[in-house]
């Protein structure tokens, strides 16, 4: 049986609203396919650097957020180059940015 998923556009709107209410300034940097586009989240840790998160499946098949640019934050130009490459491969990609200097923001997955 297929896993139930929220439409990506709805998930993005809800996530941006929730993060804003929790005190994390955030923005939509790129709008993707409203129904089923993939999502990258650019966490700005300010002086520590940027962490880009992407959805992936863990060993049990569950959707989880993984650091796509590596375990440690990277400089903004490295993160931006990664995002640009991914957008070049997937024109339906959404990109969100969250101002998260202390690494406290939490993300849900768009599955039901």
PDB file of N, CA and C in Angstrom:
ATOM      1  N   UNK A   1       0.841  -1.178   0.000  1.00  0.00           N
ATOM      2  CA  UNK A   1       0.000   0.000   0.000  1.00  0.00           C
ATOM      3  C   UNK A   1       0.887   1.241   0.000  1.00  0.00           C
ATOM      4  N   UNK A   2       0.554   2.220  -0.820  1.00  0.00           N
ATOM      5  CA  UNK A   2       1.340   3.447  -0.916  1.00  0.00           C
ATOM      6  C   UNK A   2       1.159   4.292   0.346  1.00  0.00           C
ATOM      7  N   UNK A   3       2.229   4.962   0.718  1.00  0.00           N
ATOM      8  CA  UNK A   3       2.207   5.830   1.889  1.00  0.00           C
ATOM      9  C   UNK A   3       1.437   7.107   1.552  1.00  0.00           C
ATOM     10  N   UNK A   4       0.512   7.521   2.414  1.00  0.00           N
ATOM     11  CA  UNK A   4      -0.240   8.753   2.200  1.00  0.00           C
ATOM     12  C   UNK A   4       0.690   9.946   2.366  1.00  0.00           C
ATOM     13  N   UNK A   5       0.568  10.895   1.454  1.00  0.00           N
ATOM     14  CA  UNK A   5       1.414  12.089   1.518  1.00  0.00           C
ATOM     15  C   UNK A   5       0.569  13.340   1.332  1.00  0.00           C
ATOM     16  N   UNK A   6       0.951  14.363   2.042  1.00  0.00           N
ATOM     17  CA  UNK A   6       0.343  15.667   1.824  1.00  0.00           C
ATOM     18  C   UNK A   6       0.860  16.243   0.511  1.00  0.00           C
ATOM     19  N   UNK A   7       0.063  17.064  -0.124  1.00  0.00           N
ATOM     20  CA  UNK A   7       0.564  17.803  -1.278  1.00  0.00           C
ATOM     21  C   UNK A   7       1.714  18.674  -0.790  1.00  0.00           C
ATOM     22  N   UNK A   8       2.762  18.742  -1.572  1.00  0.00           N
ATOM     23  CA  UNK A   8       3.957  19.463  -1.145  1.00  0.00           C
ATOM     24  C   UNK A   8       3.657  20.929  -0.843  1.00  0.00           C
ATOM     25  N   UNK A   9       2.869  21.578  -1.690  1.00  0.00           N
ATOM     26  CA  UNK A   9       2.543  22.986  -1.464  1.00  0.00           C
ATOM     27  C   UNK A   9       1.879  23.226  -0.123  1.00  0.00           C
ATOM     28  N   UNK A  10       0.971  22.344   0.253  1.00  0.00           N
ATOM     29  CA  UNK A  10       0.284  22.462   1.543  1.00  0.00           C
ATOM     30  C   UNK A  10       1.262  22.237   2.690  1.00  0.00           C
ATOM     31  N   UNK A  11       2.124  21.217   2.555  1.00  0.00           N
ATOM     32  CA  UNK A  11       3.112  20.941   3.593  1.00  0.00           C
ATOM     33  C   UNK A  11       4.046  22.136   3.777  1.00  0.00           C
ATOM     34  N   UNK A  12       4.493  22.725   2.669  1.00  0.00           N
ATOM     35  CA  UNK A  12       5.394  23.883   2.732  1.00  0.00           C
ATOM     36  C   UNK A  12       4.716  25.048   3.450  1.00  0.00           C
ATOM     37  N   UNK A  13       3.483  25.364   3.074  1.00  0.00           N
ATOM     38  CA  UNK A  13       2.769  26.464   3.731  1.00  0.00           C
ATOM     39  C   UNK A  13       2.642  26.229   5.229  1.00  0.00           C
ATOM     40  N   UNK A  14       2.241  25.025   5.604  1.00  0.00           N
ATOM     41  CA  UNK A  14       2.068  24.704   7.021  1.00  0.00           C
ATOM     42  C   UNK A  14       3.392  24.758   7.771  1.00  0.00           C
ATOM     43  N   UNK A  15       4.449  24.257   7.150  1.00  0.00           N
ATOM     44  CA  UNK A  15       5.765  24.250   7.798  1.00  0.00           C
ATOM     45  C   UNK A  15       6.287  25.665   7.992  1.00  0.00           C
ATOM     46  N   UNK A  16       6.180  26.504   6.973  1.00  0.00           N
ATOM     47  CA  UNK A  16       6.632  27.893   7.108  1.00  0.00           C
ATOM     48  C   UNK A  16       5.850  28.609   8.204  1.00  0.00           C
ATOM     49  N   UNK A  17       4.555  28.394   8.247  1.00  0.00           N
ATOM     50  CA  UNK A  17       3.718  29.027   9.276  1.00  0.00           C
ATOM     51  C   UNK A  17       4.116  28.548  10.676  1.00  0.00           C
ATOM     52  N   UNK A  18       4.275  27.225  10.830  1.00  0.00           N
ATOM     53  CA  UNK A  18       4.636  26.672  12.146  1.00  0.00           C
ATOM     54  C   UNK A  18       5.985  27.188  12.608  1.00  0.00           C
ATOM     55  N   UNK A  19       6.978  27.170  11.723  1.00  0.00           N
ATOM     56  CA  UNK A  19       8.310  27.648  12.097  1.00  0.00           C
ATOM     57  C   UNK A  19       8.277  29.126  12.478  1.00  0.00           C
ATOM     58  N   UNK A  20       7.511  29.923  11.732  1.00  0.00           N
ATOM     59  CA  UNK A  20       7.385  31.346  12.049  1.00  0.00           C
ATOM     60  C   UNK A  20       6.759  31.535  13.431  1.00  0.00           C
ATOM     61  N   UNK A  21       5.712  30.780  13.731  1.00  0.00           N
ATOM     62  CA  UNK A  21       5.069  30.876  15.042  1.00  0.00           C
ATOM     63  C   UNK A  21       5.994  30.429  16.173  1.00  0.00           C
ATOM     64  N   UNK A  22       6.931  29.517  15.859  1.00  0.00           N
ATOM     65  CA  UNK A  22       7.889  29.049  16.858  1.00  0.00           C
ATOM     66  C   UNK A  22       9.094  29.982  16.984  1.00  0.00           C
ATOM     67  N   UNK A  23       9.099  31.073  16.225  1.00  0.00           N
ATOM     68  CA  UNK A  23      10.168  32.064  16.347  1.00  0.00           C
ATOM     69  C   UNK A  23      11.351  31.858  15.423  1.00  0.00           C
ATOM     70  N   UNK A  24      11.171  31.063  14.382  1.00  0.00           N
ATOM     71  CA  UNK A  24      12.242  30.840  13.408  1.00  0.00           C
ATOM     72  C   UNK A  24      11.904  31.589  12.124  1.00  0.00           C
ATOM     73  N   UNK A  25      12.562  32.715  11.870  1.00  0.00           N
ATOM     74  CA  UNK A  25      12.308  33.399  10.602  1.00  0.00           C
ATOM     75  C   UNK A  25      12.608  32.446   9.444  1.00  0.00           C
ATOM     76  N   UNK A  26      11.716  32.408   8.471  1.00  0.00           N
ATOM     77  CA  UNK A  26      11.889  31.474   7.365  1.00  0.00           C
ATOM     78  C   UNK A  26      11.302  32.077   6.093  1.00  0.00           C
ATOM     79  N   UNK A  27      11.703  31.496   4.969  1.00  0.00           N
ATOM     80  CA  UNK A  27      11.255  32.023   3.686  1.00  0.00           C
ATOM     81  C   UNK A  27      11.222  30.910   2.653  1.00  0.00           C
ATOM     82  N   UNK A  28      10.371  31.103   1.674  1.00  0.00           N
ATOM     83  CA  UNK A  28      10.324  30.229   0.514  1.00  0.00           C
ATOM     84  C   UNK A  28      11.282  30.818  -0.513  1.00  0.00           C
ATOM     85  N   UNK A  29      12.376  30.117  -0.804  1.00  0.00           N
ATOM     86  CA  UNK A  29      13.360  30.602  -1.769  1.00  0.00           C
ATOM     87  C   UNK A  29      13.023  30.180  -3.189  1.00  0.00           C
ATOM     88  N   UNK A  30      12.349  29.028  -3.308  1.00  0.00           N
ATOM     89  CA  UNK A  30      12.008  28.524  -4.644  1.00  0.00           C
ATOM     90  C   UNK A  30      10.758  27.674  -4.548  1.00  0.00           C
ATOM     91  N   UNK A  31       9.807  27.986  -5.410  1.00  0.00           N
ATOM     92  CA  UNK A  31       8.555  27.217  -5.462  1.00  0.00           C
ATOM     93  C   UNK A  31       8.704  26.088  -6.476  1.00  0.00           C
ATOM     94  N   UNK A  32       8.337  24.894  -6.062  1.00  0.00           N
ATOM     95  CA  UNK A  32       8.412  23.728  -6.937  1.00  0.00           C
ATOM     96  C   UNK A  32       7.031  23.245  -7.331  1.00  0.00           C
ATOM     97  N   UNK A  33       6.955  21.990  -7.713  1.00  0.00           N
ATOM     98  CA  UNK A  33       5.678  21.396  -8.100  1.00  0.00           C
ATOM     99  C   UNK A  33       4.766  21.310  -6.884  1.00  0.00           C
ATOM    100  N   UNK A  34       3.559  21.841  -7.026  1.00  0.00           N
ATOM    101  CA  UNK A  34       2.629  21.945  -5.907  1.00  0.00           C
ATOM    102  C   UNK A  34       2.159  20.594  -5.389  1.00  0.00           C
ATOM    103  N   UNK A  35       2.116  19.611  -6.261  1.00  0.00           N
ATOM    104  CA  UNK A  35       1.566  18.318  -5.877  1.00  0.00           C
ATOM    105  C   UNK A  35       2.592  17.407  -5.222  1.00  0.00           C
ATOM    106  N   UNK A  36       3.756  17.265  -5.856  1.00  0.00           N
ATOM    107  CA  UNK A  36       4.683  16.244  -5.371  1.00  0.00           C
ATOM    108  C   UNK A  36       6.143  16.623  -5.523  1.00  0.00           C
ATOM    109  N   UNK A  37       6.475  17.895  -5.544  1.00  0.00           N
ATOM    110  CA  UNK A  37       7.875  18.292  -5.673  1.00  0.00           C
ATOM    111  C   UNK A  37       8.671  17.927  -4.431  1.00  0.00           C
ATOM    112  N   UNK A  38       9.938  17.629  -4.627  1.00  0.00           N
ATOM    113  CA  UNK A  38      10.845  17.372  -3.504  1.00  0.00           C
ATOM    114  C   UNK A  38      11.167  18.696  -2.808  1.00  0.00           C
ATOM    115  N   UNK A  39      11.704  18.601  -1.586  1.00  0.00           N
ATOM    116  CA  UNK A  39      11.989  19.794  -0.785  1.00  0.00           C
ATOM    117  C   UNK A  39      13.411  19.735  -0.245  1.00  0.00           C
ATOM    118  N   UNK A  40      14.113  20.861  -0.351  1.00  0.00           N
ATOM    119  CA  UNK A  40      15.379  21.061   0.355  1.00  0.00           C
ATOM    120  C   UNK A  40      15.143  22.158   1.379  1.00  0.00           C
ATOM    121  N   UNK A  41      15.755  22.013   2.541  1.00  0.00           N
ATOM    122  CA  UNK A  41      15.659  23.036   3.580  1.00  0.00           C
ATOM    123  C   UNK A  41      17.068  23.530   3.886  1.00  0.00           C
ATOM    124  N   UNK A  42      17.247  24.822   3.731  1.00  0.00           N
ATOM    125  CA  UNK A  42      18.545  25.470   3.959  1.00  0.00           C
ATOM    126  C   UNK A  42      18.488  26.088   5.358  1.00  0.00           C
ATOM    127  N   UNK A  43      19.165  25.449   6.325  1.00  0.00           N
ATOM    128  CA  UNK A  43      19.201  25.951   7.705  1.00  0.00           C
ATOM    129  C   UNK A  43      20.399  26.876   7.859  1.00  0.00           C
ATOM    130  N   UNK A  44      20.128  28.130   8.111  1.00  0.00           N
ATOM    131  CA  UNK A  44      21.196  29.116   8.257  1.00  0.00           C
ATOM    132  C   UNK A  44      21.610  29.183   9.718  1.00  0.00           C
ATOM    133  N   UNK A  45      22.791  28.667   9.997  1.00  0.00           N
ATOM    134  CA  UNK A  45      23.319  28.659  11.363  1.00  0.00           C
ATOM    135  C   UNK A  45      24.218  29.864  11.606  1.00  0.00           C
ATOM    136  N   UNK A  46      24.053  30.875  10.759  1.00  0.00           N
ATOM    137  CA  UNK A  46      24.799  32.139  10.798  1.00  0.00           C
ATOM    138  C   UNK A  46      26.301  31.899  10.754  1.00  0.00           C
ATOM    139  N   UNK A  47      27.023  32.274  11.781  1.00  0.00           N
ATOM    140  CA  UNK A  47      28.493  32.183  11.726  1.00  0.00           C
ATOM    141  C   UNK A  47      28.990  30.738  11.655  1.00  0.00           C
ATOM    142  N   UNK A  48      28.161  29.782  12.057  1.00  0.00           N
ATOM    143  CA  UNK A  48      28.563  28.373  12.000  1.00  0.00           C
ATOM    144  C   UNK A  48      28.479  27.823  10.582  1.00  0.00           C
ATOM    145  N   UNK A  49      27.684  28.434   9.723  1.00  0.00           N
ATOM    146  CA  UNK A  49      27.542  27.976   8.342  1.00  0.00           C
ATOM    147  C   UNK A  49      26.121  27.531   8.036  1.00  0.00           C
ATOM    148  N   UNK A  50      25.982  26.815   6.941  1.00  0.00           N
ATOM    149  CA  UNK A  50      24.679  26.384   6.438  1.00  0.00           C
ATOM    150  C   UNK A  50      24.600  24.856   6.452  1.00  0.00           C
ATOM    151  N   UNK A  51      23.439  24.342   6.807  1.00  0.00           N
ATOM    152  CA  UNK A  51      23.154  22.915   6.687  1.00  0.00           C
ATOM    153  C   UNK A  51      21.981  22.793   5.707  1.00  0.00           C
ATOM    154  N   UNK A  52      22.161  22.014   4.650  1.00  0.00           N
ATOM    155  CA  UNK A  52      21.073  21.758   3.711  1.00  0.00           C
ATOM    156  C   UNK A  52      20.527  20.368   4.012  1.00  0.00           C
ATOM    157  N   UNK A  53      19.228  20.310   4.278  1.00  0.00           N
ATOM    158  CA  UNK A  53      18.574  19.039   4.577  1.00  0.00           C
ATOM    159  C   UNK A  53      17.750  18.570   3.386  1.00  0.00           C
ATOM    160  N   UNK A  54      17.755  17.268   3.159  1.00  0.00           N
ATOM    161  CA  UNK A  54      16.953  16.652   2.109  1.00  0.00           C
ATOM    162  C   UNK A  54      16.259  15.428   2.689  1.00  0.00           C
ATOM    163  N   UNK A  55      15.096  15.115   2.155  1.00  0.00           N
ATOM    164  CA  UNK A  55      14.382  13.915   2.595  1.00  0.00           C
ATOM    165  C   UNK A  55      15.012  12.676   1.988  1.00  0.00           C
ATOM    166  N   UNK A  56      15.102  11.641   2.798  1.00  0.00           N
ATOM    167  CA  UNK A  56      15.599  10.342   2.336  1.00  0.00           C
ATOM    168  C   UNK A  56      14.890   9.276   3.164  1.00  0.00           C
ATOM    169  N   UNK A  57      15.037   8.040   2.761  1.00  0.00           N
ATOM    170  CA  UNK A  57      14.461   6.922   3.514  1.00  0.00           C
ATOM    171  C   UNK A  57      15.547   6.279   4.373  1.00  0.00           C
ATOM    172  N   UNK A  58      15.206   5.988   5.623  1.00  0.00           N
ATOM    173  CA  UNK A  58      16.153   5.299   6.499  1.00  0.00           C
ATOM    174  C   UNK A  58      16.109   3.796   6.221  1.00  0.00           C
ATOM    175  N   UNK A  59      16.826   3.029   7.006  1.00  0.00           N
ATOM    176  CA  UNK A  59      16.910   1.579   6.805  1.00  0.00           C
ATOM    177  C   UNK A  59      15.556   0.889   6.940  1.00  0.00           C
ATOM    178  N   UNK A  60      14.636   1.505   7.657  1.00  0.00           N
ATOM    179  CA  UNK A  60      13.304   0.930   7.841  1.00  0.00           C
ATOM    180  C   UNK A  60      12.308   1.448   6.798  1.00  0.00           C
ATOM    181  N   UNK A  61      12.764   2.305   5.903  1.00  0.00           N
ATOM    182  CA  UNK A  61      11.894   2.844   4.862  1.00  0.00           C
ATOM    183  C   UNK A  61      11.131   4.095   5.266  1.00  0.00           C
ATOM    184  N   UNK A  62      11.420   4.618   6.437  1.00  0.00           N
ATOM    185  CA  UNK A  62      10.740   5.812   6.935  1.00  0.00           C
ATOM    186  C   UNK A  62      11.417   7.063   6.369  1.00  0.00           C
ATOM    187  N   UNK A  63      10.599   8.087   6.010  1.00  0.00           N
ATOM    188  CA  UNK A  63      11.160   9.352   5.548  1.00  0.00           C
ATOM    189  C   UNK A  63      11.824  10.088   6.711  1.00  0.00           C
ATOM    190  N   UNK A  64      13.050  10.538   6.494  1.00  0.00           N
ATOM    191  CA  UNK A  64      13.801  11.300   7.494  1.00  0.00           C
ATOM    192  C   UNK A  64      14.546  12.432   6.799  1.00  0.00           C
ATOM    193  N   UNK A  65      14.858  13.463   7.541  1.00  0.00           N
ATOM    194  CA  UNK A  65      15.666  14.573   7.023  1.00  0.00           C
ATOM    195  C   UNK A  65      17.131  14.260   7.270  1.00  0.00           C
ATOM    196  N   UNK A  66      17.944  14.312   6.219  1.00  0.00           N
ATOM    197  CA  UNK A  66      19.379  14.060   6.329  1.00  0.00           C
ATOM    198  C   UNK A  66      20.158  15.272   5.832  1.00  0.00           C
ATOM    199  N   UNK A  67      21.323  15.529   6.436  1.00  0.00           N
ATOM    200  CA  UNK A  67      22.152  16.645   5.962  1.00  0.00           C
ATOM    201  C   UNK A  67      22.762  16.304   4.602  1.00  0.00           C
ATOM    202  N   UNK A  68      22.291  16.963   3.568  1.00  0.00           N
ATOM    203  CA  UNK A  68      22.722  16.669   2.197  1.00  0.00           C
ATOM    204  C   UNK A  68      24.121  17.193   1.897  1.00  0.00           C
ATOM    205  N   UNK A  69      24.558  18.161   2.661  1.00  0.00           N
ATOM    206  CA  UNK A  69      25.878  18.762   2.427  1.00  0.00           C
ATOM    207  C   UNK A  69      26.923  18.245   3.407  1.00  0.00           C
ATOM    208  N   UNK A  70      26.612  17.171   4.123  1.00  0.00           N
ATOM    209  CA  UNK A  70      27.560  16.595   5.062  1.00  0.00           C
ATOM    210  C   UNK A  70      27.173  16.852   6.503  1.00  0.00           C
ATOM    211  N   UNK A  71      27.896  16.217   7.402  1.00  0.00           N
ATOM    212  CA  UNK A  71      27.570  16.266   8.826  1.00  0.00           C
ATOM    213  C   UNK A  71      27.790  17.642   9.449  1.00  0.00           C
ATOM    214  N   UNK A  72      28.725  18.402   8.915  1.00  0.00           N
ATOM    215  CA  UNK A  72      29.045  19.717   9.469  1.00  0.00           C
ATOM    216  C   UNK A  72      28.481  20.835   8.592  1.00  0.00           C
ATOM    217  N   UNK A  73      28.148  21.986   9.188  1.00  0.00           N
ATOM    218  CA  UNK A  73      27.711  23.127   8.381  1.00  0.00           C
ATOM    219  C   UNK A  73      28.788  23.517   7.361  1.00  0.00           C
ATOM    220  N   UNK A  74      28.346  24.058   6.235  1.00  0.00           N
ATOM    221  CA  UNK A  74      29.252  24.469   5.160  1.00  0.00           C
ATOM    222  C   UNK A  74      29.093  25.965   4.919  1.00  0.00           C
ATOM    223  N   UNK A  75      30.079  26.589   4.258  1.00  0.00           N
ATOM    224  CA  UNK A  75      29.941  28.010   3.924  1.00  0.00           C
ATOM    225  C   UNK A  75      28.751  28.239   2.983  1.00  0.00           C
ATOM    226  N   UNK A  76      28.167  29.433   3.012  1.00  0.00           N
ATOM    227  CA  UNK A  76      27.000  29.715   2.168  1.00  0.00           C
ATOM    228  C   UNK A  76      27.215  29.413   0.688  1.00  0.00           C
ATOM    229  N   UNK A  77      28.400  29.706   0.152  1.00  0.00           N
ATOM    230  CA  UNK A  77      28.625  29.465  -1.277  1.00  0.00           C
ATOM    231  C   UNK A  77      28.604  27.967  -1.617  1.00  0.00           C
ATOM    232  N   UNK A  78      29.036  27.127  -0.693  1.00  0.00           N
ATOM    233  CA  UNK A  78      28.987  25.671  -0.901  1.00  0.00           C
ATOM    234  C   UNK A  78      27.533  25.203  -0.876  1.00  0.00           C
ATOM    235  N   UNK A  79      26.768  25.695   0.093  1.00  0.00           N
ATOM    236  CA  UNK A  79      25.351  25.332   0.179  1.00  0.00           C
ATOM    237  C   UNK A  79      24.598  25.801  -1.062  1.00  0.00           C
ATOM    238  N   UNK A  80      24.870  27.026  -1.491  1.00  0.00           N
ATOM    239  CA  UNK A  80      24.179  27.567  -2.665  1.00  0.00           C
ATOM    240  C   UNK A  80      24.523  26.789  -3.928  1.00  0.00           C
ATOM    241  N   UNK A  81      25.769  26.362  -4.059  1.00  0.00           N
ATOM    242  CA  UNK A  81      26.179  25.572  -5.220  1.00  0.00           C
ATOM    243  C   UNK A  81      25.472  24.219  -5.206  1.00  0.00           C
ATOM    244  N   UNK A  82      25.350  23.608  -4.039  1.00  0.00           N
ATOM    245  CA  UNK A  82      24.638  22.334  -3.924  1.00  0.00           C
ATOM    246  C   UNK A  82      23.176  22.501  -4.347  1.00  0.00           C
ATOM    247  N   UNK A  83      22.528  23.532  -3.804  1.00  0.00           N
ATOM    248  CA  UNK A  83      21.119  23.777  -4.138  1.00  0.00           C
ATOM    249  C   UNK A  83      20.966  24.023  -5.636  1.00  0.00           C
ATOM    250  N   UNK A  84      21.855  24.811  -6.223  1.00  0.00           N
ATOM    251  CA  UNK A  84      21.779  25.095  -7.665  1.00  0.00           C
ATOM    252  C   UNK A  84      21.909  23.817  -8.497  1.00  0.00           C
ATOM    253  N   UNK A  85      22.807  22.926  -8.091  1.00  0.00           N
ATOM    254  CA  UNK A  85      22.955  21.647  -8.811  1.00  0.00           C
ATOM    255  C   UNK A  85      21.676  20.821  -8.722  1.00  0.00           C
ATOM    256  N   UNK A  86      21.079  20.793  -7.544  1.00  0.00           N
ATOM    257  CA  UNK A  86      19.862  20.007  -7.362  1.00  0.00           C
ATOM    258  C   UNK A  86      18.695  20.593  -8.162  1.00  0.00           C
ATOM    259  N   UNK A  87      18.586  21.912  -8.188  1.00  0.00           N
ATOM    260  CA  UNK A  87      17.541  22.568  -8.982  1.00  0.00           C
ATOM    261  C   UNK A  87      17.754  22.274 -10.466  1.00  0.00           C
ATOM    262  N   UNK A  88      19.011  22.229 -10.901  1.00  0.00           N
ATOM    263  CA  UNK A  88      19.312  21.887 -12.286  1.00  0.00           C
ATOM    264  C   UNK A  88      18.866  20.474 -12.642  1.00  0.00           C
ATOM    265  N   UNK A  89      18.905  19.579 -11.679  1.00  0.00           N
ATOM    266  CA  UNK A  89      18.487  18.184 -11.895  1.00  0.00           C
ATOM    267  C   UNK A  89      16.984  17.994 -11.738  1.00  0.00           C
ATOM    268  N   UNK A  90      16.373  18.822 -10.895  1.00  0.00           N
ATOM    269  CA  UNK A  90      14.949  18.652 -10.575  1.00  0.00           C
ATOM    270  C   UNK A  90      14.251  20.011 -10.606  1.00  0.00           C
ATOM    271  N   UNK A  91      13.646  20.368 -11.737  1.00  0.00           N
ATOM    272  CA  UNK A  91      12.987  21.672 -11.836  1.00  0.00           C
ATOM    273  C   UNK A  91      11.743  21.805 -10.957  1.00  0.00           C
ATOM    274  N   UNK A  92      11.262  20.701 -10.376  1.00  0.00           N
ATOM    275  CA  UNK A  92      10.088  20.740  -9.501  1.00  0.00           C
ATOM    276  C   UNK A  92      10.451  20.931  -8.033  1.00  0.00           C
ATOM    277  N   UNK A  93      11.726  21.154  -7.739  1.00  0.00           N
ATOM    278  CA  UNK A  93      12.240  21.237  -6.374  1.00  0.00           C
ATOM    279  C   UNK A  93      11.805  22.512  -5.659  1.00  0.00           C
ATOM    280  N   UNK A  94      11.414  22.360  -4.401  1.00  0.00           N
ATOM    281  CA  UNK A  94      11.131  23.485  -3.507  1.00  0.00           C
ATOM    282  C   UNK A  94      12.379  23.732  -2.668  1.00  0.00           C
ATOM    283  N   UNK A  95      12.635  24.988  -2.310  1.00  0.00           N
ATOM    284  CA  UNK A  95      13.752  25.314  -1.419  1.00  0.00           C
ATOM    285  C   UNK A  95      13.248  26.282  -0.349  1.00  0.00           C
ATOM    286  N   UNK A  96      13.413  25.879   0.893  1.00  0.00           N
ATOM    287  CA  UNK A  96      13.038  26.714   2.034  1.00  0.00           C
ATOM    288  C   UNK A  96      14.297  27.144   2.763  1.00  0.00           C
ATOM    289  N   UNK A  97      14.226  28.299   3.400  1.00  0.00           N
ATOM    290  CA  UNK A  97      15.340  28.743   4.238  1.00  0.00           C
ATOM    291  C   UNK A  97      14.811  29.037   5.633  1.00  0.00           C
ATOM    292  N   UNK A  98      15.546  28.574   6.633  1.00  0.00           N
ATOM    293  CA  UNK A  98      15.173  28.787   8.031  1.00  0.00           C
ATOM    294  C   UNK A  98      16.369  29.390   8.749  1.00  0.00           C
ATOM    295  N   UNK A  99      16.142  30.503   9.437  1.00  0.00           N
ATOM    296  CA  UNK A  99      17.176  31.130  10.256  1.00  0.00           C
ATOM    297  C   UNK A  99      17.192  30.378  11.586  1.00  0.00           C
ATOM    298  N   UNK A 100      18.233  29.575  11.784  1.00  0.00           N
ATOM    299  CA  UNK A 100      18.288  28.656  12.927  1.00  0.00           C
ATOM    300  C   UNK A 100      19.700  28.647  13.530  1.00  0.00           C
ATOM    301  N   UNK A 101      20.129  29.766  14.136  1.00  0.00           N
ATOM    302  CA  UNK A 101      21.515  29.859  14.601  1.00  0.00           C
ATOM    303  C   UNK A 101      21.893  28.836  15.665  1.00  0.00           C
ATOM    304  N   UNK A 102      20.943  28.363  16.448  1.00  0.00           N
ATOM    305  CA  UNK A 102      21.264  27.418  17.523  1.00  0.00           C
ATOM    306  C   UNK A 102      20.928  25.967  17.182  1.00  0.00           C
ATOM    307  N   UNK A 103      20.426  25.715  15.977  1.00  0.00           N
ATOM    308  CA  UNK A 103      20.117  24.351  15.569  1.00  0.00           C
ATOM    309  C   UNK A 103      18.966  23.723  16.322  1.00  0.00           C
ATOM    310  N   UNK A 104      17.920  24.486  16.586  1.00  0.00           N
ATOM    311  CA  UNK A 104      16.800  23.983  17.377  1.00  0.00           C
ATOM    312  C   UNK A 104      15.527  23.734  16.581  1.00  0.00           C
ATOM    313  N   UNK A 105      15.475  24.163  15.330  1.00  0.00           N
ATOM    314  CA  UNK A 105      14.252  23.979  14.537  1.00  0.00           C
ATOM    315  C   UNK A 105      14.029  22.499  14.251  1.00  0.00           C
ATOM    316  N   UNK A 106      12.772  22.081  14.283  1.00  0.00           N
ATOM    317  CA  UNK A 106      12.428  20.706  13.957  1.00  0.00           C
ATOM    318  C   UNK A 106      11.545  20.703  12.704  1.00  0.00           C
ATOM    319  N   UNK A 107      11.696  19.648  11.917  1.00  0.00           N
ATOM    320  CA  UNK A 107      10.922  19.518  10.692  1.00  0.00           C
ATOM    321  C   UNK A 107      10.144  18.214  10.704  1.00  0.00           C
ATOM    322  N   UNK A 108       8.889  18.294  10.299  1.00  0.00           N
ATOM    323  CA  UNK A 108       8.092  17.098  10.076  1.00  0.00           C
ATOM    324  C   UNK A 108       8.351  16.640   8.658  1.00  0.00           C
ATOM    325  N   UNK A 109       7.918  15.437   8.327  1.00  0.00           N
ATOM    326  CA  UNK A 109       7.997  14.978   6.942  1.00  0.00           C
ATOM    327  C   UNK A 109       6.625  15.151   6.308  1.00  0.00           C
ATOM    328  N   UNK A 110       6.591  15.297   4.983  1.00  0.00           N
ATOM    329  CA  UNK A 110       5.302  15.508   4.329  1.00  0.00           C
ATOM    330  C   UNK A 110       4.447  14.259   4.163  1.00  0.00           C
ATOM    331  N   UNK A 111       4.760  13.196   4.891  1.00  0.00           N
ATOM    332  CA  UNK A 111       3.923  11.998   4.814  1.00  0.00           C
ATOM    333  C   UNK A 111       2.753  12.137   5.781  1.00  0.00           C
ATOM    334  N   UNK A 112       1.701  11.425   5.506  1.00  0.00           N
ATOM    335  CA  UNK A 112       0.495  11.526   6.315  1.00  0.00           C
ATOM    336  C   UNK A 112       0.584  10.817   7.637  1.00  0.00           C
TER     337      UNK A 112
END
